[in-house]
């Protein structure tokens, strides 16, 4: 695994696979289902998408924590953020400048600043 990185080589796949495995076991064991899915940063989006599918279309709130880098507009990070904004019922950003960039992904997205 490669941590402390925001590019395609980071360990986001390992994080996704382990989180899905553990959450599936939790809900198969009878744990109460959530009312919505809260995804903190783009790493959680595939997990949120899985939960939404598994638990019947829950709303997803995406918290965009763009702390270290904005990446290239056509790069890996932008692609992951687009997917997150596209699937979110609500997106929360840390700053107005981040919110403006996220709104550019999807014109009708509900993007707000914390």
Foldseek 3Di string as FASTA:
>chain_A
DAPPDDAPPHPLVVVLVVVLVVVVVCVVVPDDDDQAAEAEALSCLVVRVVSCVVVPRHAYEYEHDCDPDDDDCPHDRVVSLLSNQVRHQEYEYADPVVQVSSCVSPVPGHYYYD
